[in-house]
Amino acid sequence: MAASGNPVLLSNDPLLHGIELPLRAVYHPLGFRLNLATNSRHVLEAAEESWSVYTPEFARQPIEIRVIVQPEGGLADEPPVFRGQGELFSIVSDRHNYGVYEANSMAGYSFVSDKTAADHLRLRMHFLESMTYSLVAQRYAVPMHAAAVVRDGAGFLLCGPSGAGKSSLALACARAGWTFVSDDATWLAADVEGRVAIGRPGHARFREDAPLLFPELVRYAAEQRPNGKITIEAAMGDFADLRTAVRCSADHLVLLARGAARPRIVPLSPCDVIERLLGDCPSYGDCVSKLYERTLDRLREASAWRLEYTALGQALQLLAEIP
């Protein structure tokens, strides 16, 4: 769908502060309120793709995001550069595709070209999701480099370095009848009771060679993410009979070790997994780091395991043995 029209500019407004943004919508990414204003239906459609699975869950200060779409400029081809000083952060791809946001006010804006807005996947990855999730990560929830699945009401966090097979194992679990919560990015809610893990069950991202394991992924194009990695994004709704959920309890921590000499699962101290999760967290300063430590410390009450495997079938069988 085309943009709603060129921005209305005022002759005495060189900063473009007074651009009219007639399209407004409310979303709840990860359960937190986002007020979105824009002049393009593409932006609303992209936001719907990212966050339609979520409902209001947490009473927090709303996030305020403004996205201005202009006819000038080409597609944001290069992954954006992220920078931050104090409470101020920027996302810059080029002079026509960039964003700025501020953590204290939980607000930000982006200017993007018509071509970038029309590419929903790129708009979501480079600007909408990046900005929103960065703000969430500084106040409301701890980002964890972990997949999440549920079996018989118990939640499993699948942790490990890039290449350990988190996303692939999560999809294999879902195909075996487990509930899919998230691929390799799960969030632990801060300042709430219990160990509430929040996922992104609407989409999952896989390495570009994933179709070798899951032939149904061959229909999806590989894209470069903001971190430079080439990935395939698949909509979980495209998979027949898969069960999904937006949240679960973090009951079991599983550290994946792919390529081990023999498949086995051995108990670990939860502290070992917590230390790894903290090491993967982004750096936003001392106050946010303390929030992360305080929140992840709740995972000490979960069980922890090291799962060594070479093939997905082995991993799935061993995972099912965890009591």
Foldseek 3Di string as FASTA:
>chain_A
DAFQDAWDADPPCPVRPPTDFPDWDWFQVLQAIEIETERGVLVVVLVCLQTVVYDHDDDDQYAYEYEYEHADDAALAAQWDWDDDAQKIKTDSDPQWIKIDGQVNNYIYIGHYRNNSNVSVNCCQRPVVVSNVVSCLQPWWPKFQWWWWADPQAIETEDEDPPLCQQVLLVVVQVVPIAGAARGIWIFTFPDPAGKIFYRLQKYKAAPVCCVVVVVQPVFDWDQGSVRGTITMDGPVVDPPGHYDGIGGHAEYEYGDEPDPDWDKDWDQLVVVLVVRLVPTDDDDDVSSVRSVVRSVSCNNHTYMYTYYHDSVSRSVNVVPDD
